[in-house]
PDB file of N, CA and C in Angstrom:
ATOM      1  N   UNK A   1     -17.383  18.275  -0.564  1.00  0.00           N
ATOM      2  CA  UNK A   1     -17.068  17.074   0.190  1.00  0.00           C
ATOM      3  C   UNK A   1     -16.748  15.899  -0.740  1.00  0.00           C
ATOM      4  N   UNK A   2     -17.418  15.854  -1.875  1.00  0.00           N
ATOM      5  CA  UNK A   2     -17.152  14.785  -2.831  1.00  0.00           C
ATOM      6  C   UNK A   2     -15.724  14.874  -3.372  1.00  0.00           C
ATOM      7  N   UNK A   3     -15.223  16.093  -3.526  1.00  0.00           N
ATOM      8  CA  UNK A   3     -13.839  16.276  -3.981  1.00  0.00           C
ATOM      9  C   UNK A   3     -12.853  15.721  -2.955  1.00  0.00           C
ATOM     10  N   UNK A   4     -13.158  15.879  -1.690  1.00  0.00           N
ATOM     11  CA  UNK A   4     -12.287  15.335  -0.634  1.00  0.00           C
ATOM     12  C   UNK A   4     -12.265  13.808  -0.721  1.00  0.00           C
ATOM     13  N   UNK A   5     -13.425  13.206  -0.955  1.00  0.00           N
ATOM     14  CA  UNK A   5     -13.484  11.755  -1.095  1.00  0.00           C
ATOM     15  C   UNK A   5     -12.689  11.278  -2.308  1.00  0.00           C
ATOM     16  N   UNK A   6     -12.747  12.031  -3.386  1.00  0.00           N
ATOM     17  CA  UNK A   6     -11.981  11.662  -4.571  1.00  0.00           C
ATOM     18  C   UNK A   6     -10.486  11.764  -4.322  1.00  0.00           C
ATOM     19  N   UNK A   7     -10.058  12.758  -3.568  1.00  0.00           N
ATOM     20  CA  UNK A   7      -8.637  12.891  -3.223  1.00  0.00           C
ATOM     21  C   UNK A   7      -8.205  11.723  -2.334  1.00  0.00           C
ATOM     22  N   UNK A   8      -9.059  11.334  -1.397  1.00  0.00           N
ATOM     23  CA  UNK A   8      -8.748  10.192  -0.534  1.00  0.00           C
ATOM     24  C   UNK A   8      -8.634   8.914  -1.365  1.00  0.00           C
ATOM     25  N   UNK A   9      -9.551   8.725  -2.313  1.00  0.00           N
ATOM     26  CA  UNK A   9      -9.479   7.553  -3.187  1.00  0.00           C
ATOM     27  C   UNK A   9      -8.213   7.569  -4.040  1.00  0.00           C
ATOM     28  N   UNK A  10      -7.823   8.733  -4.521  1.00  0.00           N
ATOM     29  CA  UNK A  10      -6.592   8.845  -5.305  1.00  0.00           C
ATOM     30  C   UNK A  10      -5.376   8.520  -4.444  1.00  0.00           C
ATOM     31  N   UNK A  11      -5.349   9.012  -3.216  1.00  0.00           N
ATOM     32  CA  UNK A  11      -4.240   8.714  -2.311  1.00  0.00           C
ATOM     33  C   UNK A  11      -4.169   7.215  -2.016  1.00  0.00           C
ATOM     34  N   UNK A  12      -5.321   6.577  -1.857  1.00  0.00           N
ATOM     35  CA  UNK A  12      -5.336   5.138  -1.634  1.00  0.00           C
ATOM     36  C   UNK A  12      -4.848   4.380  -2.871  1.00  0.00           C
ATOM     37  N   UNK A  13      -5.189   4.869  -4.070  1.00  0.00           N
ATOM     38  CA  UNK A  13      -4.693   4.256  -5.308  1.00  0.00           C
ATOM     39  C   UNK A  13      -3.175   4.372  -5.415  1.00  0.00           C
ATOM     40  N   UNK A  14      -2.647   5.537  -5.087  1.00  0.00           N
ATOM     41  CA  UNK A  14      -1.193   5.735  -5.131  1.00  0.00           C
ATOM     42  C   UNK A  14      -0.508   4.818  -4.130  1.00  0.00           C
ATOM     43  N   UNK A  15      -1.072   4.715  -2.933  1.00  0.00           N
ATOM     44  CA  UNK A  15      -0.515   3.828  -1.914  1.00  0.00           C
ATOM     45  C   UNK A  15      -0.561   2.377  -2.384  1.00  0.00           C
ATOM     46  N   UNK A  16      -1.644   1.995  -3.064  1.00  0.00           N
ATOM     47  CA  UNK A  16      -1.780   0.641  -3.609  1.00  0.00           C
ATOM     48  C   UNK A  16      -0.592   0.318  -4.524  1.00  0.00           C
ATOM     49  N   UNK A  17      -0.295   1.244  -5.446  1.00  0.00           N
ATOM     50  CA  UNK A  17       0.786   1.008  -6.402  1.00  0.00           C
ATOM     51  C   UNK A  17       2.149   1.051  -5.735  1.00  0.00           C
ATOM     52  N   UNK A  18       2.316   1.862  -4.702  1.00  0.00           N
ATOM     53  CA  UNK A  18       3.583   1.867  -3.970  1.00  0.00           C
ATOM     54  C   UNK A  18       3.821   0.523  -3.283  1.00  0.00           C
ATOM     55  N   UNK A  19       2.776  -0.062  -2.742  1.00  0.00           N
ATOM     56  CA  UNK A  19       2.893  -1.364  -2.081  1.00  0.00           C
ATOM     57  C   UNK A  19       3.222  -2.446  -3.103  1.00  0.00           C
ATOM     58  N   UNK A  20       2.558  -2.409  -4.255  1.00  0.00           N
ATOM     59  CA  UNK A  20       2.842  -3.386  -5.309  1.00  0.00           C
ATOM     60  C   UNK A  20       4.283  -3.242  -5.791  1.00  0.00           C
ATOM     61  N   UNK A  21       4.734  -2.018  -6.011  1.00  0.00           N
ATOM     62  CA  UNK A  21       6.115  -1.793  -6.454  1.00  0.00           C
ATOM     63  C   UNK A  21       7.107  -2.257  -5.394  1.00  0.00           C
ATOM     64  N   UNK A  22       6.794  -2.021  -4.142  1.00  0.00           N
ATOM     65  CA  UNK A  22       7.674  -2.453  -3.059  1.00  0.00           C
ATOM     66  C   UNK A  22       7.778  -3.979  -3.013  1.00  0.00           C
ATOM     67  N   UNK A  23       6.654  -4.656  -3.185  1.00  0.00           N
ATOM     68  CA  UNK A  23       6.668  -6.124  -3.176  1.00  0.00           C
ATOM     69  C   UNK A  23       7.460  -6.670  -4.358  1.00  0.00           C
ATOM     70  N   UNK A  24       7.256  -6.093  -5.531  1.00  0.00           N
ATOM     71  CA  UNK A  24       7.987  -6.558  -6.715  1.00  0.00           C
ATOM     72  C   UNK A  24       9.484  -6.321  -6.551  1.00  0.00           C
ATOM     73  N   UNK A  25       9.854  -5.153  -6.049  1.00  0.00           N
ATOM     74  CA  UNK A  25      11.280  -4.865  -5.859  1.00  0.00           C
ATOM     75  C   UNK A  25      11.894  -5.801  -4.814  1.00  0.00           C
ATOM     76  N   UNK A  26      11.138  -6.136  -3.780  1.00  0.00           N
ATOM     77  CA  UNK A  26      11.681  -7.061  -2.781  1.00  0.00           C
ATOM     78  C   UNK A  26      11.899  -8.443  -3.388  1.00  0.00           C
ATOM     79  N   UNK A  27      11.028  -8.868  -4.295  1.00  0.00           N
ATOM     80  CA  UNK A  27      11.234 -10.150  -4.995  1.00  0.00           C
ATOM     81  C   UNK A  27      12.463 -10.064  -5.895  1.00  0.00           C
ATOM     82  N   UNK A  28      12.623  -8.940  -6.569  1.00  0.00           N
ATOM     83  CA  UNK A  28      13.795  -8.775  -7.433  1.00  0.00           C
ATOM     84  C   UNK A  28      15.081  -8.803  -6.623  1.00  0.00           C
ATOM     85  N   UNK A  29      15.044  -8.217  -5.414  1.00  0.00           N
ATOM     86  CA  UNK A  29      16.197  -8.296  -4.519  1.00  0.00           C
ATOM     87  C   UNK A  29      16.434  -9.746  -4.090  1.00  0.00           C
ATOM     88  N   UNK A  30      15.348 -10.429  -3.695  1.00  0.00           N
ATOM     89  CA  UNK A  30      15.473 -11.787  -3.152  1.00  0.00           C
ATOM     90  C   UNK A  30      16.032 -12.760  -4.180  1.00  0.00           C
ATOM     91  N   UNK A  31      15.650 -12.615  -5.432  1.00  0.00           N
ATOM     92  CA  UNK A  31      16.112 -13.532  -6.475  1.00  0.00           C
ATOM     93  C   UNK A  31      17.362 -13.021  -7.186  1.00  0.00           C
ATOM     94  N   UNK A  32      17.947 -11.959  -6.643  1.00  0.00           N
ATOM     95  CA  UNK A  32      19.211 -11.408  -7.138  1.00  0.00           C
ATOM     96  C   UNK A  32      19.135 -11.026  -8.621  1.00  0.00           C
ATOM     97  N   UNK A  33      18.009 -10.434  -9.005  1.00  0.00           N
ATOM     98  CA  UNK A  33      17.820  -9.995 -10.391  1.00  0.00           C
ATOM     99  C   UNK A  33      18.342  -8.574 -10.571  1.00  0.00           C
ATOM    100  N   UNK A  34      18.152  -7.739  -9.566  1.00  0.00           N
ATOM    101  CA  UNK A  34      18.660  -6.365  -9.635  1.00  0.00           C
ATOM    102  C   UNK A  34      19.900  -6.256  -8.756  1.00  0.00           C
ATOM    103  N   UNK A  35      20.728  -5.324  -9.097  1.00  0.00           N
ATOM    104  CA  UNK A  35      21.959  -5.090  -8.352  1.00  0.00           C
ATOM    105  C   UNK A  35      21.682  -4.069  -7.253  1.00  0.00           C
ATOM    106  N   UNK A  36      21.699  -4.482  -5.977  1.00  0.00           N
ATOM    107  CA  UNK A  36      21.428  -3.524  -4.903  1.00  0.00           C
ATOM    108  C   UNK A  36      22.534  -2.477  -4.759  1.00  0.00           C
ATOM    109  N   UNK A  37      23.674  -2.697  -5.393  1.00  0.00           N
ATOM    110  CA  UNK A  37      24.746  -1.714  -5.348  1.00  0.00           C
ATOM    111  C   UNK A  37      24.544  -0.564  -6.315  1.00  0.00           C
ATOM    112  N   UNK A  38      23.621  -0.731  -7.258  1.00  0.00           N
ATOM    113  CA  UNK A  38      23.304   0.328  -8.208  1.00  0.00           C
ATOM    114  C   UNK A  38      22.644   1.483  -7.452  1.00  0.00           C
ATOM    115  N   UNK A  39      23.095   2.692  -7.679  1.00  0.00           N
ATOM    116  CA  UNK A  39      22.602   3.847  -6.928  1.00  0.00           C
ATOM    117  C   UNK A  39      21.122   4.098  -7.190  1.00  0.00           C
ATOM    118  N   UNK A  40      20.679   3.964  -8.438  1.00  0.00           N
ATOM    119  CA  UNK A  40      19.267   4.204  -8.749  1.00  0.00           C
ATOM    120  C   UNK A  40      18.375   3.163  -8.080  1.00  0.00           C
ATOM    121  N   UNK A  41      18.768   1.904  -8.161  1.00  0.00           N
ATOM    122  CA  UNK A  41      17.984   0.831  -7.531  1.00  0.00           C
ATOM    123  C   UNK A  41      17.948   1.028  -6.024  1.00  0.00           C
ATOM    124  N   UNK A  42      19.068   1.412  -5.454  1.00  0.00           N
ATOM    125  CA  UNK A  42      19.134   1.657  -4.020  1.00  0.00           C
ATOM    126  C   UNK A  42      18.244   2.825  -3.617  1.00  0.00           C
ATOM    127  N   UNK A  43      18.227   3.883  -4.427  1.00  0.00           N
ATOM    128  CA  UNK A  43      17.389   5.045  -4.123  1.00  0.00           C
ATOM    129  C   UNK A  43      15.900   4.687  -4.194  1.00  0.00           C
ATOM    130  N   UNK A  44      15.521   3.964  -5.237  1.00  0.00           N
ATOM    131  CA  UNK A  44      14.120   3.548  -5.376  1.00  0.00           C
ATOM    132  C   UNK A  44      13.731   2.611  -4.238  1.00  0.00           C
ATOM    133  N   UNK A  45      14.599   1.658  -3.927  1.00  0.00           N
ATOM    134  CA  UNK A  45      14.324   0.736  -2.831  1.00  0.00           C
ATOM    135  C   UNK A  45      14.208   1.436  -1.495  1.00  0.00           C
ATOM    136  N   UNK A  46      15.078   2.398  -1.253  1.00  0.00           N
ATOM    137  CA  UNK A  46      15.036   3.165  -0.005  1.00  0.00           C
ATOM    138  C   UNK A  46      13.749   3.981   0.090  1.00  0.00           C
ATOM    139  N   UNK A  47      13.341   4.599  -1.027  1.00  0.00           N
ATOM    140  CA  UNK A  47      12.105   5.368  -1.042  1.00  0.00           C
ATOM    141  C   UNK A  47      10.900   4.474  -0.745  1.00  0.00           C
ATOM    142  N   UNK A  48      10.834   3.336  -1.433  1.00  0.00           N
ATOM    143  CA  UNK A  48       9.703   2.426  -1.217  1.00  0.00           C
ATOM    144  C   UNK A  48       9.700   1.875   0.206  1.00  0.00           C
ATOM    145  N   UNK A  49      10.869   1.589   0.741  1.00  0.00           N
ATOM    146  CA  UNK A  49      10.960   1.104   2.115  1.00  0.00           C
ATOM    147  C   UNK A  49      10.444   2.152   3.097  1.00  0.00           C
ATOM    148  N   UNK A  50      10.878   3.387   2.912  1.00  0.00           N
ATOM    149  CA  UNK A  50      10.452   4.460   3.828  1.00  0.00           C
ATOM    150  C   UNK A  50       8.954   4.764   3.718  1.00  0.00           C
ATOM    151  N   UNK A  51       8.378   4.530   2.555  1.00  0.00           N
ATOM    152  CA  UNK A  51       6.945   4.801   2.370  1.00  0.00           C
ATOM    153  C   UNK A  51       6.070   3.669   2.905  1.00  0.00           C
ATOM    154  N   UNK A  52       6.537   2.445   2.827  1.00  0.00           N
ATOM    155  CA  UNK A  52       5.679   1.318   3.182  1.00  0.00           C
ATOM    156  C   UNK A  52       5.968   0.718   4.557  1.00  0.00           C
ATOM    157  N   UNK A  53       7.182   0.795   5.026  1.00  0.00           N
ATOM    158  CA  UNK A  53       7.532   0.144   6.286  1.00  0.00           C
ATOM    159  C   UNK A  53       6.709   0.639   7.481  1.00  0.00           C
ATOM    160  N   UNK A  54       6.419   1.941   7.625  1.00  0.00           N
ATOM    161  CA  UNK A  54       5.566   2.359   8.756  1.00  0.00           C
ATOM    162  C   UNK A  54       4.162   1.753   8.704  1.00  0.00           C
ATOM    163  N   UNK A  55       3.694   1.391   7.525  1.00  0.00           N
ATOM    164  CA  UNK A  55       2.389   0.764   7.403  1.00  0.00           C
ATOM    165  C   UNK A  55       2.455  -0.737   7.673  1.00  0.00           C
ATOM    166  N   UNK A  56       3.570  -1.357   7.336  1.00  0.00           N
ATOM    167  CA  UNK A  56       3.729  -2.796   7.548  1.00  0.00           C
ATOM    168  C   UNK A  56       3.965  -3.145   9.012  1.00  0.00           C
ATOM    169  N   UNK A  57       4.666  -2.283   9.732  1.00  0.00           N
ATOM    170  CA  UNK A  57       5.109  -2.598  11.091  1.00  0.00           C
ATOM    171  C   UNK A  57       3.976  -3.011  12.025  1.00  0.00           C
ATOM    172  N   UNK A  58       2.860  -2.261  12.110  1.00  0.00           N
ATOM    173  CA  UNK A  58       1.781  -2.698  13.019  1.00  0.00           C
ATOM    174  C   UNK A  58       1.147  -4.018  12.585  1.00  0.00           C
ATOM    175  N   UNK A  59       1.092  -4.247  11.284  1.00  0.00           N
ATOM    176  CA  UNK A  59       0.508  -5.488  10.785  1.00  0.00           C
ATOM    177  C   UNK A  59       1.418  -6.660  11.123  1.00  0.00           C
ATOM    178  N   UNK A  60       2.712  -6.474  11.028  1.00  0.00           N
ATOM    179  CA  UNK A  60       3.670  -7.543  11.338  1.00  0.00           C
ATOM    180  C   UNK A  60       3.645  -7.915  12.811  1.00  0.00           C
ATOM    181  N   UNK A  61       3.302  -6.953  13.679  1.00  0.00           N
ATOM    182  CA  UNK A  61       3.204  -7.261  15.102  1.00  0.00           C
ATOM    183  C   UNK A  61       2.039  -8.193  15.387  1.00  0.00           C
ATOM    184  N   UNK A  62       0.970  -8.061  14.587  1.00  0.00           N
ATOM    185  CA  UNK A  62      -0.241  -8.854  14.815  1.00  0.00           C
ATOM    186  C   UNK A  62      -0.146 -10.229  14.152  1.00  0.00           C
ATOM    187  N   UNK A  63       0.387 -10.284  12.933  1.00  0.00           N
ATOM    188  CA  UNK A  63       0.455 -11.544  12.201  1.00  0.00           C
ATOM    189  C   UNK A  63       1.465 -12.500  12.830  1.00  0.00           C
ATOM    190  N   UNK A  64       1.179 -13.800  12.775  1.00  0.00           N
ATOM    191  CA  UNK A  64       2.164 -14.759  13.283  1.00  0.00           C
ATOM    192  C   UNK A  64       3.368 -14.851  12.352  1.00  0.00           C
ATOM    193  N   UNK A  65       4.479 -15.288  12.903  1.00  0.00           N
ATOM    194  CA  UNK A  65       5.697 -15.437  12.114  1.00  0.00           C
ATOM    195  C   UNK A  65       5.573 -16.676  11.228  1.00  0.00           C
ATOM    196  N   UNK A  66       5.638 -16.473   9.917  1.00  0.00           N
ATOM    197  CA  UNK A  66       5.518 -17.576   8.980  1.00  0.00           C
ATOM    198  C   UNK A  66       6.849 -17.895   8.314  1.00  0.00           C
ATOM    199  N   UNK A  67       7.923 -17.597   8.974  1.00  0.00           N
ATOM    200  CA  UNK A  67       9.244 -17.856   8.415  1.00  0.00           C
ATOM    201  C   UNK A  67       9.612 -16.793   7.397  1.00  0.00           C
ATOM    202  N   UNK A  68       9.855 -17.207   6.159  1.00  0.00           N
ATOM    203  CA  UNK A  68      10.278 -16.265   5.121  1.00  0.00           C
ATOM    204  C   UNK A  68       9.131 -15.617   4.369  1.00  0.00           C
ATOM    205  N   UNK A  69       7.892 -15.927   4.746  1.00  0.00           N
ATOM    206  CA  UNK A  69       6.740 -15.377   4.033  1.00  0.00           C
ATOM    207  C   UNK A  69       6.212 -14.170   4.792  1.00  0.00           C
ATOM    208  N   UNK A  70       6.112 -13.048   4.105  1.00  0.00           N
ATOM    209  CA  UNK A  70       5.605 -11.814   4.699  1.00  0.00           C
ATOM    210  C   UNK A  70       4.238 -11.512   4.091  1.00  0.00           C
ATOM    211  N   UNK A  71       3.203 -11.639   4.896  1.00  0.00           N
ATOM    212  CA  UNK A  71       1.844 -11.406   4.410  1.00  0.00           C
ATOM    213  C   UNK A  71       1.348  -9.985   4.673  1.00  0.00           C
ATOM    214  N   UNK A  72       2.179  -9.145   5.268  1.00  0.00           N
ATOM    215  CA  UNK A  72       1.733  -7.790   5.588  1.00  0.00           C
ATOM    216  C   UNK A  72       1.358  -6.976   4.350  1.00  0.00           C
ATOM    217  N   UNK A  73       2.054  -7.086   3.201  1.00  0.00           N
ATOM    218  CA  UNK A  73       1.579  -6.341   2.026  1.00  0.00           C
ATOM    219  C   UNK A  73       0.190  -6.791   1.574  1.00  0.00           C
ATOM    220  N   UNK A  74      -0.070  -8.088   1.654  1.00  0.00           N
ATOM    221  CA  UNK A  74      -1.384  -8.601   1.258  1.00  0.00           C
ATOM    222  C   UNK A  74      -2.477  -8.089   2.185  1.00  0.00           C
ATOM    223  N   UNK A  75      -2.213  -8.092   3.476  1.00  0.00           N
ATOM    224  CA  UNK A  75      -3.194  -7.574   4.442  1.00  0.00           C
ATOM    225  C   UNK A  75      -3.442  -6.091   4.204  1.00  0.00           C
ATOM    226  N   UNK A  76      -2.380  -5.351   3.920  1.00  0.00           N
ATOM    227  CA  UNK A  76      -2.516  -3.918   3.672  1.00  0.00           C
ATOM    228  C   UNK A  76      -3.288  -3.651   2.380  1.00  0.00           C
ATOM    229  N   UNK A  77      -3.025  -4.422   1.331  1.00  0.00           N
ATOM    230  CA  UNK A  77      -3.761  -4.256   0.072  1.00  0.00           C
ATOM    231  C   UNK A  77      -5.240  -4.582   0.259  1.00  0.00           C
ATOM    232  N   UNK A  78      -5.545  -5.621   1.018  1.00  0.00           N
ATOM    233  CA  UNK A  78      -6.951  -5.950   1.291  1.00  0.00           C
ATOM    234  C   UNK A  78      -7.623  -4.853   2.114  1.00  0.00           C
ATOM    235  N   UNK A  79      -6.898  -4.260   3.047  1.00  0.00           N
ATOM    236  CA  UNK A  79      -7.442  -3.159   3.850  1.00  0.00           C
ATOM    237  C   UNK A  79      -7.728  -1.934   2.980  1.00  0.00           C
ATOM    238  N   UNK A  80      -6.821  -1.638   2.060  1.00  0.00           N
ATOM    239  CA  UNK A  80      -7.028  -0.507   1.155  1.00  0.00           C
ATOM    240  C   UNK A  80      -8.237  -0.759   0.272  1.00  0.00           C
ATOM    241  N   UNK A  81      -8.360  -1.982  -0.252  1.00  0.00           N
ATOM    242  CA  UNK A  81      -9.518  -2.327  -1.083  1.00  0.00           C
ATOM    243  C   UNK A  81     -10.808  -2.180  -0.289  1.00  0.00           C
ATOM    244  N   UNK A  82     -10.813  -2.625   0.961  1.00  0.00           N
ATOM    245  CA  UNK A  82     -11.995  -2.492   1.809  1.00  0.00           C
ATOM    246  C   UNK A  82     -12.357  -1.021   2.017  1.00  0.00           C
ATOM    247  N   UNK A  83     -11.363  -0.189   2.297  1.00  0.00           N
ATOM    248  CA  UNK A  83     -11.625   1.246   2.495  1.00  0.00           C
ATOM    249  C   UNK A  83     -12.166   1.900   1.228  1.00  0.00           C
ATOM    250  N   UNK A  84     -11.605   1.541   0.079  1.00  0.00           N
ATOM    251  CA  UNK A  84     -12.084   2.110  -1.182  1.00  0.00           C
ATOM    252  C   UNK A  84     -13.536   1.718  -1.429  1.00  0.00           C
ATOM    253  N   UNK A  85     -13.861   0.456  -1.206  1.00  0.00           N
ATOM    254  CA  UNK A  85     -15.230   0.009  -1.429  1.00  0.00           C
ATOM    255  C   UNK A  85     -16.189   0.646  -0.432  1.00  0.00           C
ATOM    256  N   UNK A  86     -15.752   0.829   0.792  1.00  0.00           N
ATOM    257  CA  UNK A  86     -16.567   1.496   1.801  1.00  0.00           C
ATOM    258  C   UNK A  86     -16.885   2.931   1.378  1.00  0.00           C
ATOM    259  N   UNK A  87     -15.889   3.624   0.870  1.00  0.00           N
ATOM    260  CA  UNK A  87     -16.103   5.000   0.417  1.00  0.00           C
ATOM    261  C   UNK A  87     -17.021   5.038  -0.795  1.00  0.00           C
ATOM    262  N   UNK A  88     -16.763   4.167  -1.773  1.00  0.00           N
ATOM    263  CA  UNK A  88     -17.538   4.189  -3.015  1.00  0.00           C
ATOM    264  C   UNK A  88     -18.986   3.764  -2.789  1.00  0.00           C
ATOM    265  N   UNK A  89     -19.203   2.720  -2.003  1.00  0.00           N
ATOM    266  CA  UNK A  89     -20.544   2.160  -1.866  1.00  0.00           C
ATOM    267  C   UNK A  89     -21.405   2.839  -0.805  1.00  0.00           C
ATOM    268  N   UNK A  90     -20.785   3.377   0.239  1.00  0.00           N
ATOM    269  CA  UNK A  90     -21.591   3.905   1.340  1.00  0.00           C
ATOM    270  C   UNK A  90     -21.390   5.398   1.595  1.00  0.00           C
ATOM    271  N   UNK A  91     -20.161   5.843   1.664  1.00  0.00           N
ATOM    272  CA  UNK A  91     -19.917   7.228   2.062  1.00  0.00           C
ATOM    273  C   UNK A  91     -20.249   8.204   0.939  1.00  0.00           C
ATOM    274  N   UNK A  92     -19.788   7.924  -0.294  1.00  0.00           N
ATOM    275  CA  UNK A  92     -20.043   8.843  -1.398  1.00  0.00           C
ATOM    276  C   UNK A  92     -21.532   8.996  -1.694  1.00  0.00           C
ATOM    277  N   UNK A  93     -22.328   7.906  -1.753  1.00  0.00           N
ATOM    278  CA  UNK A  93     -23.769   8.113  -1.970  1.00  0.00           C
ATOM    279  C   UNK A  93     -24.445   8.882  -0.821  1.00  0.00           C
ATOM    280  N   UNK A  94     -23.983   8.682   0.385  1.00  0.00           N
ATOM    281  CA  UNK A  94     -24.549   9.421   1.519  1.00  0.00           C
ATOM    282  C   UNK A  94     -24.228  10.906   1.391  1.00  0.00           C
ATOM    283  N   UNK A  95     -23.029  11.220   0.927  1.00  0.00           N
ATOM    284  CA  UNK A  95     -22.647  12.619   0.741  1.00  0.00           C
ATOM    285  C   UNK A  95     -23.490  13.244  -0.373  1.00  0.00           C
ATOM    286  N   UNK A  96     -23.700  12.502  -1.447  1.00  0.00           N
ATOM    287  CA  UNK A  96     -24.532  13.009  -2.546  1.00  0.00           C
ATOM    288  C   UNK A  96     -25.968  13.243  -2.105  1.00  0.00           C
ATOM    289  N   UNK A  97     -26.522  12.318  -1.330  1.00  0.00           N
ATOM    290  CA  UNK A  97     -27.909  12.476  -0.848  1.00  0.00           C
ATOM    291  C   UNK A  97     -28.034  13.667   0.090  1.00  0.00           C
ATOM    292  N   UNK A  98     -26.995  13.867   0.898  1.00  0.00           N
ATOM    293  CA  UNK A  98     -27.043  14.983   1.863  1.00  0.00           C
ATOM    294  C   UNK A  98     -26.815  16.322   1.177  1.00  0.00           C
ATOM    295  N   UNK A  99     -26.226  16.305  -0.021  1.00  0.00           N
ATOM    296  CA  UNK A  99     -25.988  17.537  -0.741  1.00  0.00           C
ATOM    297  C   UNK A  99     -24.852  18.361  -0.183  1.00  0.00           C
ATOM    298  N   UNK A 100     -23.906  17.698   0.434  1.00  0.00           N
ATOM    299  CA  UNK A 100     -22.759  18.420   1.040  1.00  0.00           C
ATOM    300  C   UNK A 100     -21.737  18.702  -0.017  1.00  0.00           C
TER     301      UNK A 100
END
């Protein structure tokens, strides 16, 4: 059972970095630093969009419209941090005590 928790933590870490990369790439697009016509940049951007947009959508429905500021990545990162801490501080020690 502890191995399953470690895999979940690893998946959350990977998701964390995908969200950070998506936010950075969106800033690079917004400030016209990268060329969106470049095939590699477009492929990376499309991949990050497809991985993160299904997670952002429910959060965007709840958050108020703040104009050009999108706080959904921040809310998602805080949620991931909360889940990681919940697993590390409460679930993993309970699993160890139970001997599962």
